[in-house]
Amino acid sequence: MEGYDSTSTHHLRVLGDAEVLLAGLGYWVKVEADTVWTVEVS
């Protein structure tokens, strides 16, 4: 999974396993097969 980084060449950085995903920010997830992805918002 990658997240936005204004300082890198392509404006992306690999996110670590402990990263907290925040509403309103962009993320890129590579999925290599058809799938249903459910995200619960609390």
PDB file of N, CA and C in Angstrom:
ATOM      1  N   MET A   1       0.852  -1.151   0.000  1.00  0.00           N
ATOM      2  CA  MET A   1       0.000   0.000   0.000  1.00  0.00           C
ATOM      3  C   MET A   1       0.903   1.220   0.000  1.00  0.00           C
ATOM      4  N   GLU A   2       0.497   2.218  -0.753  1.00  0.00           N
ATOM      5  CA  GLU A   2       1.269   3.455  -0.818  1.00  0.00           C
ATOM      6  C   GLU A   2       0.389   4.643  -0.444  1.00  0.00           C
ATOM      7  N   GLY A   3       1.012   5.669   0.071  1.00  0.00           N
ATOM      8  CA  GLY A   3       0.322   6.896   0.435  1.00  0.00           C
ATOM      9  C   GLY A   3       1.041   8.099  -0.162  1.00  0.00           C
ATOM     10  N   TYR A   4       0.388   9.228  -0.118  1.00  0.00           N
ATOM     11  CA  TYR A   4       0.912  10.466  -0.691  1.00  0.00           C
ATOM     12  C   TYR A   4       2.116  10.965   0.088  1.00  0.00           C
ATOM     13  N   ASP A   5       3.121  11.447  -0.638  1.00  0.00           N
ATOM     14  CA  ASP A   5       4.314  12.050  -0.035  1.00  0.00           C
ATOM     15  C   ASP A   5       4.754  13.199  -0.936  1.00  0.00           C
ATOM     16  N   SER A   6       4.574  14.415  -0.483  1.00  0.00           N
ATOM     17  CA  SER A   6       4.872  15.588  -1.316  1.00  0.00           C
ATOM     18  C   SER A   6       6.360  15.761  -1.601  1.00  0.00           C
ATOM     19  N   THR A   7       7.227  15.087  -0.845  1.00  0.00           N
ATOM     20  CA  THR A   7       8.666  15.292  -1.018  1.00  0.00           C
ATOM     21  C   THR A   7       9.333  14.279  -1.951  1.00  0.00           C
ATOM     22  N   SER A   8       8.649  13.195  -2.301  1.00  0.00           N
ATOM     23  CA  SER A   8       9.279  12.181  -3.153  1.00  0.00           C
ATOM     24  C   SER A   8       9.054  12.499  -4.632  1.00  0.00           C
ATOM     25  N   THR A   9       9.836  11.883  -5.493  1.00  0.00           N
ATOM     26  CA  THR A   9       9.773  12.138  -6.934  1.00  0.00           C
ATOM     27  C   THR A   9       8.385  11.879  -7.520  1.00  0.00           C
ATOM     28  N   HIS A  10       7.790  10.753  -7.164  1.00  0.00           N
ATOM     29  CA  HIS A  10       6.476  10.388  -7.711  1.00  0.00           C
ATOM     30  C   HIS A  10       5.340  10.671  -6.730  1.00  0.00           C
ATOM     31  N   HIS A  11       5.642  11.361  -5.650  1.00  0.00           N
ATOM     32  CA  HIS A  11       4.675  11.750  -4.622  1.00  0.00           C
ATOM     33  C   HIS A  11       4.006  10.553  -3.953  1.00  0.00           C
ATOM     34  N   LEU A  12       4.730   9.432  -3.859  1.00  0.00           N
ATOM     35  CA  LEU A  12       4.233   8.239  -3.181  1.00  0.00           C
ATOM     36  C   LEU A  12       5.306   7.696  -2.251  1.00  0.00           C
ATOM     37  N   ARG A  13       4.857   7.001  -1.200  1.00  0.00           N
ATOM     38  CA  ARG A  13       5.778   6.273  -0.343  1.00  0.00           C
ATOM     39  C   ARG A  13       5.073   5.013   0.137  1.00  0.00           C
ATOM     40  N   VAL A  14       5.854   3.964   0.332  1.00  0.00           N
ATOM     41  CA  VAL A  14       5.307   2.700   0.835  1.00  0.00           C
ATOM     42  C   VAL A  14       4.928   2.896   2.299  1.00  0.00           C
ATOM     43  N   LEU A  15       3.726   2.481   2.659  1.00  0.00           N
ATOM     44  CA  LEU A  15       3.258   2.604   4.039  1.00  0.00           C
ATOM     45  C   LEU A  15       3.620   1.360   4.833  1.00  0.00           C
ATOM     46  N   GLY A  16       3.973   1.550   6.079  1.00  0.00           N
ATOM     47  CA  GLY A  16       4.314   0.436   6.952  1.00  0.00           C
ATOM     48  C   GLY A  16       3.072  -0.243   7.509  1.00  0.00           C
ATOM     49  N   ASP A  17       3.259  -1.423   8.089  1.00  0.00           N
ATOM     50  CA  ASP A  17       2.144  -2.192   8.645  1.00  0.00           C
ATOM     51  C   ASP A  17       1.425  -1.465   9.772  1.00  0.00           C
ATOM     52  N   ALA A  18       2.106  -0.589  10.487  1.00  0.00           N
ATOM     53  CA  ALA A  18       1.504   0.091  11.632  1.00  0.00           C
ATOM     54  C   ALA A  18       0.900   1.454  11.270  1.00  0.00           C
ATOM     55  N   GLU A  19       0.927   1.831   9.988  1.00  0.00           N
ATOM     56  CA  GLU A  19       0.384   3.131   9.563  1.00  0.00           C
ATOM     57  C   GLU A  19      -1.122   3.196   9.828  1.00  0.00           C
ATOM     58  N   VAL A  20      -1.581   4.327  10.280  1.00  0.00           N
ATOM     59  CA  VAL A  20      -3.007   4.566  10.485  1.00  0.00           C
ATOM     60  C   VAL A  20      -3.541   5.283   9.250  1.00  0.00           C
ATOM     61  N   LEU A  21      -4.577   4.719   8.633  1.00  0.00           N
ATOM     62  CA  LEU A  21      -5.186   5.346   7.455  1.00  0.00           C
ATOM     63  C   LEU A  21      -6.188   6.385   7.926  1.00  0.00           C
ATOM     64  N   LEU A  22      -6.131   7.565   7.336  1.00  0.00           N
ATOM     65  CA  LEU A  22      -6.979   8.672   7.752  1.00  0.00           C
ATOM     66  C   LEU A  22      -7.967   9.041   6.659  1.00  0.00           C
ATOM     67  N   ALA A  23      -9.177   9.356   7.059  1.00  0.00           N
ATOM     68  CA  ALA A  23     -10.206   9.783   6.114  1.00  0.00           C
ATOM     69  C   ALA A  23      -9.756  11.057   5.421  1.00  0.00           C
ATOM     70  N   GLY A  24     -10.059  11.167   4.125  1.00  0.00           N
ATOM     71  CA  GLY A  24      -9.746  12.365   3.373  1.00  0.00           C
ATOM     72  C   GLY A  24      -8.396  12.345   2.688  1.00  0.00           C
ATOM     73  N   LEU A  25      -7.574  11.322   2.944  1.00  0.00           N
ATOM     74  CA  LEU A  25      -6.278  11.206   2.294  1.00  0.00           C
ATOM     75  C   LEU A  25      -6.349  10.125   1.232  1.00  0.00           C
ATOM     76  N   GLY A  26      -5.462  10.184   0.252  1.00  0.00           N
ATOM     77  CA  GLY A  26      -5.467   9.205  -0.835  1.00  0.00           C
ATOM     78  C   GLY A  26      -4.501   8.067  -0.571  1.00  0.00           C
ATOM     79  N   TYR A  27      -4.928   6.857  -0.948  1.00  0.00           N
ATOM     80  CA  TYR A  27      -4.105   5.660  -0.803  1.00  0.00           C
ATOM     81  C   TYR A  27      -4.213   4.835  -2.074  1.00  0.00           C
ATOM     82  N   TRP A  28      -3.165   4.107  -2.388  1.00  0.00           N
ATOM     83  CA  TRP A  28      -3.139   3.230  -3.557  1.00  0.00           C
ATOM     84  C   TRP A  28      -2.897   1.824  -3.060  1.00  0.00           C
ATOM     85  N   VAL A  29      -3.769   0.899  -3.464  1.00  0.00           N
ATOM     86  CA  VAL A  29      -3.655  -0.499  -3.056  1.00  0.00           C
ATOM     87  C   VAL A  29      -3.611  -1.351  -4.314  1.00  0.00           C
ATOM     88  N   LYS A  30      -2.549  -2.134  -4.470  1.00  0.00           N
ATOM     89  CA  LYS A  30      -2.451  -3.034  -5.619  1.00  0.00           C
ATOM     90  C   LYS A  30      -3.166  -4.337  -5.280  1.00  0.00           C
ATOM     91  N   VAL A  31      -4.177  -4.664  -6.073  1.00  0.00           N
ATOM     92  CA  VAL A  31      -4.937  -5.894  -5.892  1.00  0.00           C
ATOM     93  C   VAL A  31      -4.780  -6.701  -7.172  1.00  0.00           C
ATOM     94  N   GLU A  32      -4.256  -7.907  -7.059  1.00  0.00           N
ATOM     95  CA  GLU A  32      -3.930  -8.697  -8.238  1.00  0.00           C
ATOM     96  C   GLU A  32      -5.017  -9.676  -8.664  1.00  0.00           C
ATOM     97  N   ALA A  33      -6.166  -9.654  -8.016  1.00  0.00           N
ATOM     98  CA  ALA A  33      -7.265 -10.545  -8.395  1.00  0.00           C
ATOM     99  C   ALA A  33      -8.586  -9.842  -8.087  1.00  0.00           C
ATOM    100  N   ASP A  34      -9.651 -10.251  -8.785  1.00  0.00           N
ATOM    101  CA  ASP A  34     -10.974  -9.709  -8.479  1.00  0.00           C
ATOM    102  C   ASP A  34     -11.306 -10.004  -7.027  1.00  0.00           C
ATOM    103  N   THR A  35     -11.815  -9.013  -6.327  1.00  0.00           N
ATOM    104  CA  THR A  35     -12.111  -9.188  -4.904  1.00  0.00           C
ATOM    105  C   THR A  35     -13.166  -8.179  -4.464  1.00  0.00           C
ATOM    106  N   VAL A  36     -13.778  -8.449  -3.344  1.00  0.00           N
ATOM    107  CA  VAL A  36     -14.677  -7.500  -2.691  1.00  0.00           C
ATOM    108  C   VAL A  36     -13.940  -7.018  -1.446  1.00  0.00           C
ATOM    109  N   TRP A  37     -13.761  -5.718  -1.349  1.00  0.00           N
ATOM    110  CA  TRP A  37     -13.026  -5.158  -0.223  1.00  0.00           C
ATOM    111  C   TRP A  37     -13.990  -4.316   0.594  1.00  0.00           C
ATOM    112  N   THR A  38     -14.212  -4.703   1.849  1.00  0.00           N
ATOM    113  CA  THR A  38     -15.130  -4.003   2.734  1.00  0.00           C
ATOM    114  C   THR A  38     -14.310  -3.229   3.765  1.00  0.00           C
ATOM    115  N   VAL A  39     -14.591  -1.942   3.868  1.00  0.00           N
ATOM    116  CA  VAL A  39     -13.894  -1.089   4.832  1.00  0.00           C
ATOM    117  C   VAL A  39     -14.907  -0.602   5.851  1.00  0.00           C
ATOM    118  N   GLU A  40     -14.673  -0.920   7.108  1.00  0.00           N
ATOM    119  CA  GLU A  40     -15.560  -0.464   8.168  1.00  0.00           C
ATOM    120  C   GLU A  40     -15.043   0.862   8.704  1.00  0.00           C
ATOM    121  N   VAL A  41     -15.941   1.811   8.845  1.00  0.00           N
ATOM    122  CA  VAL A  41     -15.588   3.135   9.352  1.00  0.00           C
ATOM    123  C   VAL A  41     -16.167   3.278  10.745  1.00  0.00           C
ATOM    124  N   SER A  42     -15.309   3.648  11.689  1.00  0.00           N
ATOM    125  CA  SER A  42     -15.809   3.814  13.058  1.00  0.00           C
ATOM    126  C   SER A  42     -15.662   5.236  13.525  1.00  0.00           C
TER     127      SER A  42
END
